[in-house]
Amino acid sequence: MMRVHHLNCATQCVHGGRLFSGRGGFFHTAEMIAHCLLIETESGLVLVDTGLGCDDIHAPKTRLSWGFRTLSNLRLDLRETALDQVKHLGYQPSDVRHIILTHLDLDHAGGISDFPDANVHVLQRELQTAKATGGWIHQFRYRPVQWQQHLHWATYQPEGEQWFGFEAVRSLQGCHPKSS
């Protein structure tokens, strides 16, 4: 049996609540979370996105953009890191063998450094975009300090049919589902 755990790996209390949640006034806050999944497989744990990492919590001014910190009104809490939640579930950080990134935005990829031995899977085009230099929006989204030192990468080209307009990747290198 495959088990999937839902993790909240960063709480943002954004200003302009009505714009984000449809409730409250424009000056109220809306709570949004960084959804991550932890999946048990035969080849170890698979983490889908990482949210913010421990280093992001300890040094937000270095690791997170000023604009993101200001607009998101983050709740900086180590208990919301994927690393802490993996340990709380009784696993070791080394049990996380694979990280699948939907994209490399700072609130999805900040925890990569908490799992130095994991293989990180990402679309080749997304990695190229994140590594490119860009304007202030690019710097707001991508923070190479979060992931540039990571050694284990697997990149992919989209293949197969699309799902709701999203490109697909069929199988991941070295990652197999857990059989019952």
N, C-alpha and C. Protein backbone atom coordinates (compact mmCIF):
# COMPACT_ATOMS: atom_id res chain seq x y z
N MET A 1 0.83 -1.17 0.00
CA MET A 1 0.00 0.00 0.00
C MET A 1 0.89 1.25 0.00
N MET A 2 0.57 2.20 -0.85
CA MET A 2 1.30 3.46 -0.91
C MET A 2 0.67 4.43 0.08
N ARG A 3 1.51 5.13 0.83
CA ARG A 3 1.02 6.16 1.74
C ARG A 3 1.50 7.50 1.24
N VAL A 4 0.60 8.47 1.28
CA VAL A 4 0.91 9.83 0.87
C VAL A 4 0.59 10.74 2.05
N HIS A 5 1.56 11.52 2.46
CA HIS A 5 1.39 12.46 3.56
C HIS A 5 1.35 13.88 2.99
N HIS A 6 0.39 14.66 3.43
CA HIS A 6 0.32 16.06 3.05
C HIS A 6 1.09 16.87 4.07
N LEU A 7 1.97 17.74 3.60
CA LEU A 7 2.77 18.59 4.48
C LEU A 7 2.51 20.06 4.16
N ASN A 8 2.42 20.88 5.18
CA ASN A 8 2.40 22.33 5.03
C ASN A 8 3.82 22.80 5.30
N CYS A 9 4.51 23.24 4.27
CA CYS A 9 5.92 23.59 4.42
C CYS A 9 6.19 25.09 4.33
N ALA A 10 5.19 25.89 4.62
CA ALA A 10 5.36 27.34 4.76
C ALA A 10 3.98 27.97 4.82
N THR A 11 3.73 28.72 5.87
CA THR A 11 2.47 29.46 5.96
C THR A 11 2.74 30.92 5.63
N GLN A 12 1.94 31.44 4.72
CA GLN A 12 2.01 32.84 4.34
C GLN A 12 0.70 33.49 4.78
N CYS A 13 0.81 34.63 5.40
CA CYS A 13 -0.38 35.38 5.84
C CYS A 13 -0.40 36.67 5.02
N VAL A 14 -0.85 36.53 3.77
CA VAL A 14 -0.75 37.62 2.81
C VAL A 14 -1.77 38.72 3.09
N HIS A 15 -1.34 39.92 2.87
CA HIS A 15 -2.22 41.08 3.02
C HIS A 15 -3.14 41.15 1.80
N GLY A 16 -4.32 41.72 2.00
CA GLY A 16 -5.30 41.79 0.92
C GLY A 16 -6.15 40.54 0.89
N GLY A 17 -6.59 40.11 2.08
CA GLY A 17 -7.32 38.87 2.24
C GLY A 17 -8.43 38.63 1.24
N ARG A 18 -9.22 39.65 0.98
CA ARG A 18 -10.35 39.49 0.07
C ARG A 18 -9.90 39.09 -1.33
N LEU A 19 -8.76 39.60 -1.77
CA LEU A 19 -8.24 39.27 -3.10
C LEU A 19 -7.81 37.81 -3.19
N PHE A 20 -7.32 37.24 -2.10
CA PHE A 20 -6.79 35.88 -2.12
C PHE A 20 -7.80 34.82 -1.70
N SER A 21 -8.64 35.14 -0.72
CA SER A 21 -9.56 34.13 -0.21
C SER A 21 -11.03 34.45 -0.45
N GLY A 22 -11.30 35.67 -0.90
CA GLY A 22 -12.68 36.07 -1.13
C GLY A 22 -13.42 36.43 0.14
N ARG A 23 -12.73 36.44 1.27
CA ARG A 23 -13.36 36.75 2.56
C ARG A 23 -12.62 37.90 3.22
N GLY A 24 -13.31 38.56 4.13
CA GLY A 24 -12.71 39.66 4.88
C GLY A 24 -12.55 40.89 4.01
N GLY A 25 -11.93 41.88 4.60
CA GLY A 25 -11.70 43.12 3.88
C GLY A 25 -10.38 43.08 3.14
N PHE A 26 -10.12 44.13 2.41
CA PHE A 26 -8.88 44.20 1.64
C PHE A 26 -7.66 44.37 2.54
N PHE A 27 -7.87 44.79 3.79
CA PHE A 27 -6.74 44.98 4.70
C PHE A 27 -6.56 43.81 5.65
N HIS A 28 -7.40 42.79 5.54
CA HIS A 28 -7.24 41.58 6.34
C HIS A 28 -6.21 40.67 5.68
N THR A 29 -5.75 39.68 6.42
CA THR A 29 -4.80 38.73 5.84
C THR A 29 -5.52 37.44 5.47
N ALA A 30 -4.98 36.77 4.48
CA ALA A 30 -5.46 35.45 4.07
C ALA A 30 -4.32 34.47 4.29
N GLU A 31 -4.63 33.33 4.87
CA GLU A 31 -3.60 32.33 5.12
C GLU A 31 -3.50 31.40 3.91
N MET A 32 -2.29 31.28 3.40
CA MET A 32 -1.99 30.37 2.29
C MET A 32 -0.84 29.49 2.74
N ILE A 33 -0.83 28.25 2.28
CA ILE A 33 0.27 27.37 2.67
C ILE A 33 0.96 26.80 1.43
N ALA A 34 2.20 26.38 1.62
CA ALA A 34 2.95 25.69 0.58
C ALA A 34 2.67 24.20 0.74
N HIS A 35 1.86 23.67 -0.15
CA HIS A 35 1.50 22.25 -0.11
C HIS A 35 2.65 21.41 -0.65
N CYS A 36 3.07 20.42 0.12
CA CYS A 36 4.06 19.46 -0.32
C CYS A 36 3.52 18.07 -0.01
N LEU A 37 3.98 17.09 -0.75
CA LEU A 37 3.57 15.71 -0.52
C LEU A 37 4.79 14.87 -0.18
N LEU A 38 4.62 13.94 0.76
CA LEU A 38 5.65 12.96 1.08
C LEU A 38 5.06 11.60 0.74
N ILE A 39 5.69 10.88 -0.18
CA ILE A 39 5.16 9.62 -0.69
C ILE A 39 6.13 8.49 -0.34
N GLU A 40 5.60 7.41 0.22
CA GLU A 40 6.40 6.24 0.53
C GLU A 40 6.47 5.35 -0.71
N THR A 41 7.67 4.95 -1.11
CA THR A 41 7.87 4.07 -2.25
C THR A 41 8.86 2.98 -1.86
N GLU A 42 9.01 1.97 -2.71
CA GLU A 42 9.99 0.91 -2.46
C GLU A 42 11.42 1.44 -2.45
N SER A 43 11.66 2.52 -3.18
CA SER A 43 13.01 3.07 -3.25
C SER A 43 13.22 4.23 -2.28
N GLY A 44 12.40 4.31 -1.25
CA GLY A 44 12.55 5.37 -0.26
C GLY A 44 11.44 6.39 -0.37
N LEU A 45 11.59 7.46 0.36
CA LEU A 45 10.58 8.51 0.36
C LEU A 45 10.78 9.45 -0.82
N VAL A 46 9.66 9.92 -1.35
CA VAL A 46 9.66 10.91 -2.42
C VAL A 46 8.96 12.15 -1.89
N LEU A 47 9.60 13.28 -2.01
CA LEU A 47 9.05 14.55 -1.58
C LEU A 47 8.69 15.34 -2.83
N VAL A 48 7.43 15.75 -2.94
CA VAL A 48 7.00 16.58 -4.05
C VAL A 48 6.98 18.03 -3.55
N ASP A 49 7.93 18.80 -4.04
CA ASP A 49 8.23 20.16 -3.58
C ASP A 49 8.75 20.09 -2.14
N THR A 50 9.42 21.15 -1.71
CA THR A 50 10.03 21.13 -0.38
C THR A 50 9.57 22.28 0.51
N GLY A 51 8.88 23.26 -0.06
CA GLY A 51 8.53 24.43 0.75
C GLY A 51 9.81 25.15 1.16
N LEU A 52 9.73 25.86 2.26
CA LEU A 52 10.91 26.54 2.79
C LEU A 52 11.75 25.55 3.58
N GLY A 53 13.04 25.78 3.61
CA GLY A 53 13.95 24.90 4.34
C GLY A 53 14.43 25.53 5.63
N CYS A 54 15.19 24.76 6.39
CA CYS A 54 15.71 25.23 7.68
C CYS A 54 16.57 26.48 7.52
N ASP A 55 17.41 26.50 6.49
CA ASP A 55 18.26 27.67 6.27
C ASP A 55 17.44 28.91 5.94
N ASP A 56 16.29 28.72 5.27
CA ASP A 56 15.40 29.84 4.97
C ASP A 56 14.84 30.44 6.26
N ILE A 57 14.54 29.58 7.22
CA ILE A 57 13.98 30.02 8.50
C ILE A 57 15.06 30.75 9.32
N HIS A 58 16.29 30.20 9.31
CA HIS A 58 17.38 30.78 10.09
C HIS A 58 17.94 32.07 9.48
N ALA A 59 17.93 32.18 8.15
CA ALA A 59 18.53 33.35 7.49
C ALA A 59 17.62 33.85 6.36
N PRO A 60 16.41 34.30 6.69
CA PRO A 60 15.48 34.70 5.64
C PRO A 60 15.98 35.87 4.79
N LYS A 61 16.74 36.78 5.37
CA LYS A 61 17.22 37.94 4.59
C LYS A 61 18.22 37.54 3.52
N THR A 62 18.95 36.46 3.75
CA THR A 62 19.92 35.97 2.78
C THR A 62 19.27 35.07 1.74
N ARG A 63 18.35 34.24 2.18
CA ARG A 63 17.82 33.18 1.33
C ARG A 63 16.52 33.53 0.61
N LEU A 64 15.76 34.46 1.14
CA LEU A 64 14.47 34.81 0.56
C LEU A 64 14.49 36.25 0.08
N SER A 65 13.85 36.52 -1.02
CA SER A 65 13.87 37.88 -1.56
C SER A 65 13.09 38.82 -0.64
N TRP A 66 13.52 40.09 -0.66
CA TRP A 66 12.85 41.10 0.14
C TRP A 66 11.37 41.19 -0.24
N GLY A 67 11.09 41.18 -1.53
CA GLY A 67 9.71 41.28 -1.99
C GLY A 67 8.85 40.13 -1.51
N PHE A 68 9.38 38.92 -1.57
CA PHE A 68 8.62 37.76 -1.10
C PHE A 68 8.36 37.85 0.40
N ARG A 69 9.40 38.20 1.15
CA ARG A 69 9.23 38.31 2.61
C ARG A 69 8.18 39.37 2.95
N THR A 70 8.20 40.47 2.24
CA THR A 70 7.28 41.57 2.51
C THR A 70 5.85 41.21 2.12
N LEU A 71 5.66 40.71 0.92
CA LEU A 71 4.32 40.43 0.42
C LEU A 71 3.68 39.21 1.08
N SER A 72 4.48 38.22 1.43
CA SER A 72 3.91 36.97 1.95
C SER A 72 3.68 36.98 3.45
N ASN A 73 4.34 37.89 4.17
CA ASN A 73 4.16 37.95 5.62
C ASN A 73 4.29 36.54 6.22
N LEU A 74 5.45 35.94 5.99
CA LEU A 74 5.71 34.55 6.35
C LEU A 74 5.65 34.27 7.84
N ARG A 75 5.20 33.09 8.17
CA ARG A 75 5.32 32.56 9.52
C ARG A 75 6.58 31.68 9.49
N LEU A 76 7.67 32.18 10.02
CA LEU A 76 8.95 31.46 9.99
C LEU A 76 9.00 30.48 11.16
N ASP A 77 8.68 29.22 10.89
CA ASP A 77 8.54 28.21 11.92
C ASP A 77 9.24 26.93 11.48
N LEU A 78 10.28 26.53 12.19
CA LEU A 78 11.02 25.31 11.84
C LEU A 78 10.12 24.08 11.79
N ARG A 79 9.04 24.07 12.57
CA ARG A 79 8.14 22.91 12.57
C ARG A 79 7.43 22.75 11.24
N GLU A 80 7.41 23.79 10.42
CA GLU A 80 6.77 23.70 9.12
C GLU A 80 7.73 23.31 8.01
N THR A 81 8.98 23.05 8.31
CA THR A 81 9.90 22.58 7.28
C THR A 81 9.63 21.11 7.00
N ALA A 82 9.89 20.71 5.76
CA ALA A 82 9.73 19.29 5.40
C ALA A 82 10.65 18.43 6.27
N LEU A 83 11.86 18.92 6.54
CA LEU A 83 12.81 18.15 7.35
C LEU A 83 12.22 17.83 8.72
N ASP A 84 11.67 18.80 9.41
CA ASP A 84 11.09 18.57 10.73
C ASP A 84 9.91 17.61 10.65
N GLN A 85 9.08 17.76 9.62
CA GLN A 85 7.91 16.90 9.49
C GLN A 85 8.29 15.46 9.13
N VAL A 86 9.33 15.29 8.32
CA VAL A 86 9.82 13.95 8.01
C VAL A 86 10.30 13.27 9.29
N LYS A 87 11.05 13.98 10.10
CA LYS A 87 11.53 13.43 11.37
C LYS A 87 10.36 13.12 12.30
N HIS A 88 9.37 14.01 12.35
CA HIS A 88 8.21 13.81 13.21
C HIS A 88 7.42 12.55 12.81
N LEU A 89 7.46 12.19 11.53
CA LEU A 89 6.79 10.97 11.05
C LEU A 89 7.62 9.71 11.33
N GLY A 90 8.80 9.89 11.93
CA GLY A 90 9.64 8.75 12.29
C GLY A 90 10.69 8.37 11.27
N TYR A 91 10.90 9.20 10.27
CA TYR A 91 11.89 8.92 9.23
C TYR A 91 13.16 9.73 9.46
N GLN A 92 14.20 9.32 8.80
CA GLN A 92 15.47 10.05 8.80
C GLN A 92 15.54 10.90 7.52
N PRO A 93 16.27 12.00 7.55
CA PRO A 93 16.42 12.80 6.33
C PRO A 93 16.96 11.98 5.16
N SER A 94 17.83 11.03 5.44
CA SER A 94 18.40 10.20 4.37
C SER A 94 17.37 9.25 3.75
N ASP A 95 16.22 9.07 4.39
CA ASP A 95 15.15 8.26 3.81
C ASP A 95 14.50 8.95 2.62
N VAL A 96 14.65 10.27 2.52
CA VAL A 96 14.13 11.02 1.37
C VAL A 96 15.14 10.83 0.24
N ARG A 97 14.78 9.98 -0.71
CA ARG A 97 15.69 9.65 -1.80
C ARG A 97 15.47 10.51 -3.04
N HIS A 98 14.24 11.01 -3.18
CA HIS A 98 13.89 11.76 -4.38
C HIS A 98 13.07 12.99 -4.01
N ILE A 99 13.35 14.09 -4.70
CA ILE A 99 12.56 15.31 -4.60
C ILE A 99 12.09 15.64 -6.01
N ILE A 100 10.79 15.73 -6.17
CA ILE A 100 10.21 16.12 -7.46
C ILE A 100 9.76 17.56 -7.31
N LEU A 101 10.28 18.42 -8.17
CA LEU A 101 9.91 19.83 -8.10
C LEU A 101 8.91 20.17 -9.19
N THR A 102 7.81 20.78 -8.79
CA THR A 102 6.87 21.29 -9.78
C THR A 102 7.49 22.48 -10.48
N HIS A 103 8.27 23.27 -9.74
CA HIS A 103 9.04 24.38 -10.28
C HIS A 103 10.01 24.83 -9.19
N LEU A 104 10.91 25.72 -9.54
CA LEU A 104 12.00 26.12 -8.65
C LEU A 104 11.75 27.43 -7.92
N ASP A 105 10.52 27.88 -7.83
CA ASP A 105 10.24 29.09 -7.05
C ASP A 105 10.71 28.89 -5.61
N LEU A 106 11.09 29.98 -4.97
CA LEU A 106 11.71 29.90 -3.65
C LEU A 106 10.85 29.23 -2.59
N ASP A 107 9.53 29.29 -2.70
CA ASP A 107 8.68 28.64 -1.70
C ASP A 107 8.38 27.18 -2.05
N HIS A 108 8.96 26.68 -3.12
CA HIS A 108 8.83 25.27 -3.50
C HIS A 108 10.16 24.53 -3.41
N ALA A 109 11.27 25.25 -3.45
CA ALA A 109 12.58 24.61 -3.55
C ALA A 109 13.52 24.94 -2.39
N GLY A 110 13.07 25.69 -1.40
CA GLY A 110 13.95 26.11 -0.31
C GLY A 110 14.49 24.98 0.54
N GLY A 111 13.77 23.87 0.63
CA GLY A 111 14.20 22.77 1.48
C GLY A 111 15.13 21.77 0.81
N ILE A 112 15.52 22.02 -0.44
CA ILE A 112 16.42 21.08 -1.12
C ILE A 112 17.68 20.86 -0.29
N SER A 113 18.23 21.91 0.27
CA SER A 113 19.48 21.79 1.03
C SER A 113 19.34 20.96 2.31
N ASP A 114 18.11 20.73 2.77
CA ASP A 114 17.89 19.89 3.95
C ASP A 114 18.02 18.41 3.64
N PHE A 115 18.07 18.06 2.35
CA PHE A 115 18.15 16.66 1.92
C PHE A 115 19.29 16.52 0.90
N PRO A 116 20.54 16.65 1.35
CA PRO A 116 21.67 16.72 0.43
C PRO A 116 21.91 15.46 -0.39
N ASP A 117 21.42 14.31 0.05
CA ASP A 117 21.66 13.07 -0.69
C ASP A 117 20.53 12.72 -1.65
N ALA A 118 19.44 13.47 -1.62
CA ALA A 118 18.29 13.16 -2.47
C ALA A 118 18.57 13.53 -3.92
N ASN A 119 17.98 12.78 -4.83
CA ASN A 119 18.00 13.11 -6.25
C ASN A 119 16.87 14.09 -6.51
N VAL A 120 17.20 15.21 -7.13
CA VAL A 120 16.19 16.23 -7.42
C VAL A 120 15.79 16.08 -8.89
N HIS A 121 14.48 15.95 -9.11
CA HIS A 121 13.92 15.76 -10.46
C HIS A 121 13.17 17.03 -10.85
N VAL A 122 13.50 17.56 -12.03
CA VAL A 122 12.88 18.81 -12.49
C VAL A 122 12.94 18.85 -14.01
N LEU A 123 12.01 19.59 -14.61
CA LEU A 123 12.07 19.78 -16.06
C LEU A 123 13.32 20.58 -16.42
N GLN A 124 13.99 20.16 -17.48
CA GLN A 124 15.21 20.83 -17.94
C GLN A 124 14.97 22.31 -18.20
N ARG A 125 13.84 22.62 -18.82
CA ARG A 125 13.52 24.02 -19.15
C ARG A 125 13.37 24.87 -17.88
N GLU A 126 12.79 24.29 -16.82
CA GLU A 126 12.64 25.04 -15.57
C GLU A 126 14.00 25.33 -14.94
N LEU A 127 14.89 24.35 -14.93
CA LEU A 127 16.23 24.56 -14.37
C LEU A 127 16.99 25.61 -15.18
N GLN A 128 16.89 25.57 -16.49
CA GLN A 128 17.56 26.56 -17.33
C GLN A 128 17.01 27.96 -17.05
N THR A 129 15.69 28.06 -16.92
CA THR A 129 15.07 29.36 -16.63
C THR A 129 15.52 29.89 -15.28
N ALA A 130 15.57 29.02 -14.28
CA ALA A 130 15.97 29.45 -12.94
C ALA A 130 17.43 29.89 -12.89
N LYS A 131 18.27 29.26 -13.70
CA LYS A 131 19.70 29.60 -13.72
C LYS A 131 19.99 30.86 -14.52
N ALA A 132 19.09 31.24 -15.40
CA ALA A 132 19.30 32.44 -16.22
C ALA A 132 19.20 33.69 -15.35
N THR A 133 19.87 34.73 -15.76
CA THR A 133 19.74 35.98 -15.02
C THR A 133 18.55 36.73 -15.58
N GLY A 134 17.89 37.45 -14.72
CA GLY A 134 16.70 38.17 -15.16
C GLY A 134 16.48 39.41 -14.34
N GLY A 135 15.34 40.01 -14.55
CA GLY A 135 14.99 41.23 -13.84
C GLY A 135 14.52 40.96 -12.43
N TRP A 136 13.83 41.94 -11.87
CA TRP A 136 13.43 41.85 -10.46
C TRP A 136 12.42 40.75 -10.23
N ILE A 137 11.56 40.45 -11.19
CA ILE A 137 10.59 39.36 -10.99
C ILE A 137 11.33 38.02 -10.92
N HIS A 138 12.32 37.85 -11.77
CA HIS A 138 13.14 36.63 -11.75
C HIS A 138 13.82 36.48 -10.38
N GLN A 139 14.39 37.55 -9.88
CA GLN A 139 15.07 37.52 -8.58
C GLN A 139 14.09 37.31 -7.43
N PHE A 140 12.86 37.75 -7.60
CA PHE A 140 11.80 37.54 -6.60
C PHE A 140 11.45 36.05 -6.52
N ARG A 141 11.39 35.39 -7.65
CA ARG A 141 10.95 33.99 -7.73
C ARG A 141 12.07 32.99 -7.41
N TYR A 142 13.20 33.15 -8.06
CA TYR A 142 14.27 32.14 -8.00
C TYR A 142 15.40 32.59 -7.08
N ARG A 143 15.79 31.71 -6.17
CA ARG A 143 16.88 32.02 -5.25
C ARG A 143 17.91 30.89 -5.34
N PRO A 144 18.88 31.00 -6.27
CA PRO A 144 19.87 29.95 -6.46
C PRO A 144 20.60 29.54 -5.19
N VAL A 145 20.72 30.44 -4.21
CA VAL A 145 21.37 30.10 -2.95
C VAL A 145 20.69 28.89 -2.30
N GLN A 146 19.42 28.67 -2.60
CA GLN A 146 18.68 27.55 -2.02
C GLN A 146 19.08 26.20 -2.62
N TRP A 147 19.53 26.19 -3.86
CA TRP A 147 19.71 24.91 -4.54
C TRP A 147 20.97 24.78 -5.39
N GLN A 148 21.73 25.83 -5.59
CA GLN A 148 22.87 25.76 -6.52
C GLN A 148 23.99 24.83 -6.05
N GLN A 149 24.07 24.54 -4.77
CA GLN A 149 25.12 23.65 -4.26
C GLN A 149 24.73 22.18 -4.30
N HIS A 150 23.47 21.89 -4.64
CA HIS A 150 23.00 20.50 -4.64
C HIS A 150 23.68 19.73 -5.77
N LEU A 151 24.07 18.49 -5.48
CA LEU A 151 24.86 17.70 -6.42
C LEU A 151 24.07 16.73 -7.28
N HIS A 152 22.91 16.30 -6.85
CA HIS A 152 22.21 15.19 -7.51
C HIS A 152 20.96 15.69 -8.23
N TRP A 153 21.08 15.88 -9.54
CA TRP A 153 19.98 16.39 -10.35
C TRP A 153 19.65 15.41 -11.46
N ALA A 154 18.38 15.29 -11.77
CA ALA A 154 17.91 14.56 -12.94
C ALA A 154 16.94 15.50 -13.65
N THR A 155 17.23 15.79 -14.91
CA THR A 155 16.38 16.71 -15.65
C THR A 155 15.63 15.94 -16.73
N TYR A 156 14.50 16.50 -17.14
CA TYR A 156 13.58 15.80 -18.04
C TYR A 156 13.05 16.73 -19.10
N GLN A 157 12.70 16.10 -20.23
CA GLN A 157 11.96 16.78 -21.29
C GLN A 157 10.52 16.28 -21.20
N PRO A 158 9.55 17.14 -21.45
CA PRO A 158 8.16 16.68 -21.43
C PRO A 158 7.93 15.62 -22.50
N GLU A 159 7.05 14.67 -22.19
CA GLU A 159 6.69 13.64 -23.17
C GLU A 159 5.27 13.16 -22.87
N GLY A 160 4.65 12.60 -23.85
CA GLY A 160 3.32 12.05 -23.65
C GLY A 160 2.24 13.11 -23.73
N GLU A 161 1.03 12.68 -23.38
CA GLU A 161 -0.12 13.57 -23.48
C GLU A 161 -0.08 14.65 -22.40
N GLN A 162 -0.85 15.69 -22.63
CA GLN A 162 -0.96 16.75 -21.64
C GLN A 162 -2.12 16.46 -20.70
N TRP A 163 -2.04 16.99 -19.50
CA TRP A 163 -3.09 16.85 -18.50
C TRP A 163 -3.51 18.25 -18.10
N PHE A 164 -4.73 18.64 -18.45
CA PHE A 164 -5.24 19.98 -18.17
C PHE A 164 -4.26 21.07 -18.64
N GLY A 165 -3.62 20.83 -19.77
CA GLY A 165 -2.70 21.80 -20.34
C GLY A 165 -1.27 21.71 -19.82
N PHE A 166 -1.02 20.82 -18.85
CA PHE A 166 0.32 20.65 -18.31
C PHE A 166 1.05 19.55 -19.07
N GLU A 167 2.34 19.76 -19.27
CA GLU A 167 3.15 18.74 -19.94
C GLU A 167 3.46 17.61 -18.97
N ALA A 168 3.63 16.41 -19.50
CA ALA A 168 3.82 15.22 -18.67
C ALA A 168 5.23 14.67 -18.76
N VAL A 169 5.63 14.02 -17.68
CA VAL A 169 6.84 13.21 -17.66
C VAL A 169 6.39 11.84 -17.20
N ARG A 170 6.73 10.81 -17.91
CA ARG A 170 6.21 9.47 -17.66
C ARG A 170 6.85 8.76 -16.48
N SER A 171 8.14 8.67 -16.41
CA SER A 171 8.77 7.95 -15.30
C SER A 171 10.01 8.71 -14.85
N LEU A 172 10.35 8.51 -13.59
CA LEU A 172 11.49 9.20 -13.01
C LEU A 172 12.65 8.24 -12.84
N GLN A 173 13.83 8.70 -13.11
CA GLN A 173 15.03 7.88 -13.01
C GLN A 173 15.23 7.41 -11.56
N GLY A 174 15.26 6.07 -11.36
CA GLY A 174 15.55 5.50 -10.04
C GLY A 174 14.42 5.55 -9.05
N CYS A 175 13.22 5.89 -9.47
CA CYS A 175 12.10 6.02 -8.54
C CYS A 175 10.98 5.09 -8.99
N HIS A 176 10.62 4.15 -8.11
CA HIS A 176 9.60 3.16 -8.44
C HIS A 176 8.51 3.19 -7.38
N PRO A 177 7.25 3.05 -7.78
CA PRO A 177 6.17 3.05 -6.79
C PRO A 177 6.23 1.82 -5.89
N LYS A 178 5.72 1.99 -4.68
CA LYS A 178 5.69 0.90 -3.71
C LYS A 178 4.55 -0.05 -4.06
N SER A 179 4.84 -1.34 -4.17
CA SER A 179 3.78 -2.30 -4.47
C SER A 179 3.20 -2.83 -3.17
N SER A 180 1.92 -3.27 -3.22
CA SER A 180 1.28 -3.73 -2.00
C SER A 180 1.53 -5.18 -1.72
